[in-house]
Amino acid sequence: MDAISSVLIAKALDGLSMRQMFSAQNIANANTPGYKAIEVTFEKSLKLAAGKGIESIENLRPKTQYAQTASGSTEMRLDMELAKASQTAMRYGALIDVLGRQMALARTVVSGGQ
């Protein structure tokens, strides 16, 4: 795995971890009157940073903002928040799987294929 790929995956894992944390917070406060859900965005910024090099990727920080629905409301929908949490967990797991496979390949090379 090249250096930029490992940095990209690490930064994506950071963003997904932060999203999962705020999803849990949003779900926990689903019945709190006046609570505004918070969302984490980083994918577009990460894509742009990938074209600029490793330093840009390393300096990238996920952004948080109040979540808005398509109608512009900040009212949280529990079903959507649960779906978002599930999707985030799956994406995180997929990235961990990629890292595990890369480490297995490196381990095979280091051990001489045994």
Foldseek 3Di string as FASTA:
>chain_A
DDPLVVLLLVLLLVQLVVQLVQLVVCLVCLPPPPDFRKGKDDVVQSVVQSVVDSVSSVPDDIDMDGDADPVRDRRDDNVVSVVSNVVSVVVSVVSVVVVVVVVVVVVCVVVVND
